[in-house]
């Protein structure tokens, strides 16, 4: 092998090394871009999923008012009408992904419950629900206002 062939082999080696580095860099860039696309898609889906959260919170206050009105309504046609409206209201909220949080006799959970007092009962258990809590697609949007049990 003469000197010229050695130089050519070294040049080919250098070019192959550079090619491999570019290929590796391109693969990493492609993977990063795919991850970016997935992250953006996920964020977009999440935004769309929870875009109605503010409106739903306002509607839940209205639902609370309907429930209070129903507590004092008579069993006449008007009372039955209010109950029907409330049932329709609950169905619409359910279709939008809203669920009431089940709290009675559950262990106190700071993520789901807002303790506003104590009452006689098992230590650390929810003994009374003052205001219903709700979640939207498994995310708490309004914690339940409750009383926690306290043994004497």
Protein backbone atom coordinates (compact mmCIF):
# COMPACT_ATOMS: atom_id res chain seq x y z
CA UNK A 1 0.00 0.00 0.00
CA UNK A 2 1.45 3.27 -0.99
CA UNK A 3 1.14 6.60 0.72
CA UNK A 4 -1.71 7.78 -1.50
CA UNK A 5 -3.86 4.75 -0.65
CA UNK A 6 -3.25 5.27 3.07
CA UNK A 7 -4.36 8.89 2.75
CA UNK A 8 -7.47 7.79 0.86
CA UNK A 9 -8.29 5.17 3.52
CA UNK A 10 -7.90 7.79 6.26
CA UNK A 11 -10.09 10.20 4.30
CA UNK A 12 -12.75 7.52 3.80
CA UNK A 13 -12.57 6.65 7.50
CA UNK A 14 -12.99 10.29 8.47
CA UNK A 15 -15.93 10.71 6.09
CA UNK A 16 -17.58 7.53 7.40
CA UNK A 17 -17.10 8.72 10.99
CA UNK A 18 -18.60 12.10 10.13
CA UNK A 19 -21.49 10.37 8.34
CA UNK A 20 -22.18 8.19 11.38
CA UNK A 21 -22.14 11.26 13.65
CA UNK A 22 -24.61 13.07 11.38
CA UNK A 23 -26.83 10.00 11.21
CA UNK A 24 -26.80 9.63 15.01
CA UNK A 25 -27.56 13.34 15.40
CA UNK A 26 -30.42 13.07 12.90
CA UNK A 27 -31.91 10.08 14.73
CA UNK A 28 -31.81 11.97 18.04
CA UNK A 29 -33.37 15.05 16.47
CA UNK A 30 -36.12 12.92 14.93
CA UNK A 31 -36.86 11.27 18.31
CA UNK A 32 -36.93 14.66 20.06
CA UNK A 33 -39.31 16.03 17.43
CA UNK A 34 -41.63 13.03 17.76
CA UNK A 35 -41.66 13.48 21.55
CA UNK A 36 -42.39 17.18 21.07
CA UNK A 37 -45.30 16.39 18.75
CA UNK A 38 -46.74 13.91 21.27
CA UNK A 39 -46.38 16.41 24.11
CA UNK A 40 -48.08 19.19 22.12
CA UNK A 41 -50.90 16.84 21.13
CA UNK A 42 -51.38 15.75 24.75
CA UNK A 43 -51.39 19.36 25.99
CA UNK A 44 -53.89 20.31 23.31
CA UNK A 45 -56.16 17.42 24.26
CA UNK A 46 -55.89 18.38 27.94
CA UNK A 47 -56.75 22.02 27.17
CA UNK A 48 -59.79 20.99 25.17
CA UNK A 49 -60.84 18.55 27.88
CA UNK A 50 -60.74 21.17 30.63
CA UNK A 51 -61.71 24.26 28.62
CA UNK A 52 -65.20 24.18 30.09
CA UNK A 53 -64.01 24.01 33.72
CA UNK A 54 -64.82 27.67 34.57
CA UNK A 55 -68.30 27.38 33.08
CA UNK A 56 -68.93 24.10 34.87
CA UNK A 57 -67.92 25.64 38.21
CA UNK A 58 -70.50 28.38 37.65
CA UNK A 59 -73.12 25.81 36.68
CA UNK A 60 -72.40 23.81 39.83
CA UNK A 61 -73.39 26.84 41.92
CA UNK A 62 -76.66 26.91 40.00
CA UNK A 63 -77.10 23.18 40.62
CA UNK A 64 -76.56 23.78 44.35
CA UNK A 65 -79.36 26.35 44.26
CA UNK A 66 -81.69 23.89 42.51
CA UNK A 67 -80.91 21.27 45.16
CA UNK A 68 -81.65 23.74 47.98
CA UNK A 69 -84.90 24.74 46.28
CA UNK A 70 -85.83 21.08 45.93
CA UNK A 71 -85.26 20.53 49.67
CA UNK A 72 -88.01 23.08 50.36
CA UNK A 73 -90.28 22.25 47.42
CA UNK A 74 -93.59 20.57 47.96
CA UNK A 75 -94.58 17.36 46.24
CA UNK A 76 -96.83 19.26 43.84
CA UNK A 77 -96.42 19.77 40.09
CA UNK A 78 -93.97 22.63 40.61
CA UNK A 79 -91.76 20.51 42.90
CA UNK A 80 -91.83 17.65 40.41
CA UNK A 81 -90.87 20.06 37.64
CA UNK A 82 -87.88 21.35 39.63
CA UNK A 83 -86.80 17.75 40.24
CA UNK A 84 -87.04 16.98 36.51
CA UNK A 85 -84.96 20.05 35.65
CA UNK A 86 -82.35 19.04 38.23
CA UNK A 87 -82.21 15.51 36.77
CA UNK A 88 -81.67 16.94 33.27
CA UNK A 89 -79.02 19.25 34.66
CA UNK A 90 -77.19 16.34 36.31
CA UNK A 91 -77.34 14.31 33.10
CA UNK A 92 -75.78 17.15 31.08
CA UNK A 93 -72.99 17.55 33.65
CA UNK A 94 -72.36 13.80 33.59
CA UNK A 95 -72.14 13.83 29.78
CA UNK A 96 -69.50 16.56 30.10
CA UNK A 97 -67.38 14.37 32.40
CA UNK A 98 -68.48 15.81 35.77
CA UNK A 99 -68.92 13.42 38.69
CA UNK A 100 -69.82 14.07 42.30
CA UNK A 101 -67.23 12.96 44.83
CA UNK A 102 -68.49 10.27 47.18
CA UNK A 103 -67.46 11.43 50.66
CA UNK A 104 -69.59 10.02 53.48
CA UNK A 105 -67.75 7.62 55.76
CA UNK A 106 -64.57 7.94 53.67
CA UNK A 107 -61.13 8.65 55.08
CA UNK A 108 -60.39 12.40 55.12
CA UNK A 109 -58.39 13.26 51.97
CA UNK A 110 -56.94 16.76 51.71
CA UNK A 111 -57.04 16.52 47.90
CA UNK A 112 -60.79 15.82 47.79
CA UNK A 113 -62.13 17.37 50.97
CA UNK A 114 -62.17 20.79 52.56
CA UNK A 115 -62.72 20.32 56.28
CA UNK A 116 -64.81 23.11 57.75
CA UNK A 117 -65.41 21.58 61.15
CA UNK A 118 -65.61 18.54 63.37
CA UNK A 119 -68.51 16.38 64.44
CA UNK A 120 -69.00 13.34 66.61
CA UNK A 121 -67.87 10.21 64.80
CA UNK A 122 -64.91 8.03 63.83
CA UNK A 123 -61.59 9.85 63.94
CA UNK A 124 -60.48 11.05 60.50
CA UNK A 125 -63.63 9.90 58.70
CA UNK A 126 -66.07 12.16 56.88
CA UNK A 127 -69.26 12.29 58.94
CA UNK A 128 -71.16 15.10 57.22
CA UNK A 129 -71.19 16.67 53.76
CA UNK A 130 -71.91 20.40 53.78
CA UNK A 131 -71.35 21.04 50.05
CA UNK A 132 -70.80 18.45 47.34
CA UNK A 133 -67.43 18.18 45.67
CA UNK A 134 -66.94 17.42 42.00
CA UNK A 135 -64.33 16.11 39.63
CA UNK A 136 -64.00 16.69 35.91
CA UNK A 137 -62.38 13.73 34.13
CA UNK A 138 -60.78 12.46 37.36
CA UNK A 139 -59.43 15.95 38.26
CA UNK A 140 -60.87 17.64 41.34
CA UNK A 141 -62.46 20.93 40.32
CA UNK A 142 -64.29 21.58 43.59
CA UNK A 143 -63.43 19.83 46.84
CA UNK A 144 -66.30 18.70 49.05
CA UNK A 145 -66.90 20.83 52.13
CA UNK A 146 -67.21 18.36 54.98
CA UNK A 147 -67.08 17.77 58.70
CA UNK A 148 -64.51 15.31 59.99
CA UNK A 149 -65.28 12.82 62.74
CA UNK A 150 -63.73 13.27 66.13
CA UNK A 151 -64.19 10.74 68.90
CA UNK A 152 -64.67 12.16 72.37
